[in-house]
């Protein structure tokens, strides 16, 4: 868990996204472009100190930001996304087991 003041969160998340876009250079000199989706949750924003809820909210925010090129900071709504065994319903590995919470 990392504490960041409210005014710095979006800035630091944008910096993280920029760093994750830096091409990876292989031993033979070939550069590979990379991409990543980023979702984050701040306990004061989602209104809970429950880390399992925070993880679920961050996962839902990540899903909302996929392919956007931007990090998404979870809202209270992200914290209420239904899950199966702690994973967002519909994610690979959730079909056929557990229950929607």
C-alpha atoms as a PDB file:
ATOM      1  CA  UNK A   1       0.000   0.000   0.000  1.00  0.00           C
ATOM      2  CA  UNK A   2       1.315   3.429  -0.944  1.00  0.00           C
ATOM      3  CA  UNK A   3       0.078   6.700   0.526  1.00  0.00           C
ATOM      4  CA  UNK A   4      -0.145   9.569  -1.956  1.00  0.00           C
ATOM      5  CA  UNK A   5      -1.839  12.912  -1.336  1.00  0.00           C
ATOM      6  CA  UNK A   6      -4.993  13.401  -3.431  1.00  0.00           C
ATOM      7  CA  UNK A   7      -3.386  16.012  -5.681  1.00  0.00           C
ATOM      8  CA  UNK A   8      -0.504  13.698  -6.633  1.00  0.00           C
ATOM      9  CA  UNK A   9      -2.406  10.502  -7.453  1.00  0.00           C
ATOM     10  CA  UNK A  10      -3.324  11.236 -11.046  1.00  0.00           C
ATOM     11  CA  UNK A  11       0.141  12.664 -11.746  1.00  0.00           C
ATOM     12  CA  UNK A  12       1.920   9.602 -10.335  1.00  0.00           C
ATOM     13  CA  UNK A  13      -0.432   7.208 -12.157  1.00  0.00           C
ATOM     14  CA  UNK A  14       0.225   9.019 -15.447  1.00  0.00           C
ATOM     15  CA  UNK A  15       3.975   8.737 -14.792  1.00  0.00           C
ATOM     16  CA  UNK A  16       3.572   5.009 -14.179  1.00  0.00           C
ATOM     17  CA  UNK A  17       1.719   4.578 -17.483  1.00  0.00           C
ATOM     18  CA  UNK A  18       4.487   6.483 -19.315  1.00  0.00           C
ATOM     19  CA  UNK A  19       7.166   4.276 -17.736  1.00  0.00           C
ATOM     20  CA  UNK A  20       5.276   1.120 -18.662  1.00  0.00           C
ATOM     21  CA  UNK A  21       5.324   2.207 -22.330  1.00  0.00           C
ATOM     22  CA  UNK A  22       9.131   2.291 -22.516  1.00  0.00           C
ATOM     23  CA  UNK A  23      10.206  -0.320 -25.086  1.00  0.00           C
ATOM     24  CA  UNK A  24      12.055  -3.362 -23.764  1.00  0.00           C
ATOM     25  CA  UNK A  25      15.435  -3.855 -25.447  1.00  0.00           C
ATOM     26  CA  UNK A  26      16.440  -7.479 -25.853  1.00  0.00           C
ATOM     27  CA  UNK A  27      20.021  -8.794 -25.694  1.00  0.00           C
ATOM     28  CA  UNK A  28      20.231  -8.730 -29.498  1.00  0.00           C
ATOM     29  CA  UNK A  29      19.304  -5.023 -29.550  1.00  0.00           C
ATOM     30  CA  UNK A  30      15.764  -5.557 -30.823  1.00  0.00           C
ATOM     31  CA  UNK A  31      13.267  -3.220 -29.137  1.00  0.00           C
ATOM     32  CA  UNK A  32       9.821  -4.522 -28.267  1.00  0.00           C
ATOM     33  CA  UNK A  33       6.949  -2.135 -27.693  1.00  0.00           C
ATOM     34  CA  UNK A  34       5.001  -2.864 -24.534  1.00  0.00           C
ATOM     35  CA  UNK A  35       1.672  -1.783 -23.130  1.00  0.00           C
ATOM     36  CA  UNK A  36      -0.098  -2.196 -19.830  1.00  0.00           C
ATOM     37  CA  UNK A  37      -3.405  -1.288 -18.269  1.00  0.00           C
ATOM     38  CA  UNK A  38      -3.365   0.335 -14.837  1.00  0.00           C
ATOM     39  CA  UNK A  39      -6.123   0.455 -12.253  1.00  0.00           C
ATOM     40  CA  UNK A  40      -5.658   1.816  -8.746  1.00  0.00           C
ATOM     41  CA  UNK A  41      -7.798   2.270  -5.668  1.00  0.00           C
ATOM     42  CA  UNK A  42      -7.461   4.818  -2.878  1.00  0.00           C
ATOM     43  CA  UNK A  43      -9.147   3.773   0.348  1.00  0.00           C
ATOM     44  CA  UNK A  44     -10.443   7.279   1.059  1.00  0.00           C
ATOM     45  CA  UNK A  45     -12.012   7.494  -2.405  1.00  0.00           C
ATOM     46  CA  UNK A  46     -13.779   4.126  -2.357  1.00  0.00           C
ATOM     47  CA  UNK A  47     -14.851   4.615   1.249  1.00  0.00           C
ATOM     48  CA  UNK A  48     -13.476   1.464   2.877  1.00  0.00           C
ATOM     49  CA  UNK A  49     -10.331   0.102   4.502  1.00  0.00           C
ATOM     50  CA  UNK A  50     -11.161  -3.453   3.388  1.00  0.00           C
ATOM     51  CA  UNK A  51      -8.236  -4.477   1.193  1.00  0.00           C
ATOM     52  CA  UNK A  52     -10.208  -7.161  -0.667  1.00  0.00           C
ATOM     53  CA  UNK A  53     -12.761  -4.504  -1.682  1.00  0.00           C
ATOM     54  CA  UNK A  54      -9.904  -2.180  -2.685  1.00  0.00           C
ATOM     55  CA  UNK A  55      -8.345  -4.899  -4.841  1.00  0.00           C
ATOM     56  CA  UNK A  56     -11.695  -5.613  -6.508  1.00  0.00           C
ATOM     57  CA  UNK A  57     -12.226  -1.865  -7.115  1.00  0.00           C
ATOM     58  CA  UNK A  58      -8.745  -1.498  -8.618  1.00  0.00           C
ATOM     59  CA  UNK A  59      -9.428  -4.495 -10.872  1.00  0.00           C
ATOM     60  CA  UNK A  60     -12.726  -2.981 -12.039  1.00  0.00           C
ATOM     61  CA  UNK A  61     -10.982   0.361 -12.682  1.00  0.00           C
ATOM     62  CA  UNK A  62      -8.247  -1.439 -14.639  1.00  0.00           C
ATOM     63  CA  UNK A  63     -10.925  -3.120 -16.765  1.00  0.00           C
ATOM     64  CA  UNK A  64     -12.551   0.277 -17.461  1.00  0.00           C
ATOM     65  CA  UNK A  65      -9.201   1.673 -18.594  1.00  0.00           C
ATOM     66  CA  UNK A  66      -8.113  -1.195 -20.830  1.00  0.00           C
ATOM     67  CA  UNK A  67      -6.855   0.002 -24.187  1.00  0.00           C
ATOM     68  CA  UNK A  68      -7.380   3.650 -23.219  1.00  0.00           C
ATOM     69  CA  UNK A  69      -3.733   4.416 -22.569  1.00  0.00           C
ATOM     70  CA  UNK A  70      -4.648   5.987 -19.228  1.00  0.00           C
ATOM     71  CA  UNK A  71      -4.631   4.787 -15.645  1.00  0.00           C
ATOM     72  CA  UNK A  72      -8.006   4.749 -13.924  1.00  0.00           C
ATOM     73  CA  UNK A  73      -8.460   5.576 -10.254  1.00  0.00           C
ATOM     74  CA  UNK A  74     -11.338   3.560  -8.781  1.00  0.00           C
ATOM     75  CA  UNK A  75     -14.525   5.286  -7.645  1.00  0.00           C
ATOM     76  CA  UNK A  76     -17.074   4.125  -5.072  1.00  0.00           C
ATOM     77  CA  UNK A  77     -18.978   2.502  -7.937  1.00  0.00           C
ATOM     78  CA  UNK A  78     -15.953   0.336  -8.791  1.00  0.00           C
ATOM     79  CA  UNK A  79     -16.044  -1.002  -5.220  1.00  0.00           C
ATOM     80  CA  UNK A  80     -19.547  -2.390  -5.778  1.00  0.00           C
ATOM     81  CA  UNK A  81     -18.770  -4.412  -8.928  1.00  0.00           C
ATOM     82  CA  UNK A  82     -19.981  -7.999  -8.389  1.00  0.00           C
ATOM     83  CA  UNK A  83     -17.228 -10.564  -7.940  1.00  0.00           C
ATOM     84  CA  UNK A  84     -16.763 -14.308  -7.799  1.00  0.00           C
ATOM     85  CA  UNK A  85     -14.264 -15.433  -5.179  1.00  0.00           C
ATOM     86  CA  UNK A  86     -12.840 -11.903  -5.155  1.00  0.00           C
ATOM     87  CA  UNK A  87     -12.464 -11.573  -8.930  1.00  0.00           C
ATOM     88  CA  UNK A  88     -14.615  -9.419 -11.199  1.00  0.00           C
ATOM     89  CA  UNK A  89     -17.407 -11.552 -12.647  1.00  0.00           C
ATOM     90  CA  UNK A  90     -16.606 -12.517 -16.238  1.00  0.00           C
ATOM     91  CA  UNK A  91     -12.820 -12.617 -15.802  1.00  0.00           C
ATOM     92  CA  UNK A  92     -11.103 -15.768 -17.034  1.00  0.00           C
ATOM     93  CA  UNK A  93     -11.146 -18.435 -14.363  1.00  0.00           C
ATOM     94  CA  UNK A  94     -14.387 -17.325 -12.745  1.00  0.00           C
ATOM     95  CA  UNK A  95     -16.850 -19.303 -14.833  1.00  0.00           C
ATOM     96  CA  UNK A  96     -18.459 -22.238 -13.099  1.00  0.00           C
ATOM     97  CA  UNK A  97     -17.125 -21.801  -9.569  1.00  0.00           C
ATOM     98  CA  UNK A  98     -17.717 -19.651  -6.567  1.00  0.00           C
ATOM     99  CA  UNK A  99     -20.610 -17.279  -6.178  1.00  0.00           C
ATOM    100  CA  UNK A 100     -21.351 -13.692  -7.077  1.00  0.00           C
ATOM    101  CA  UNK A 101     -20.856 -11.412  -4.069  1.00  0.00           C
END
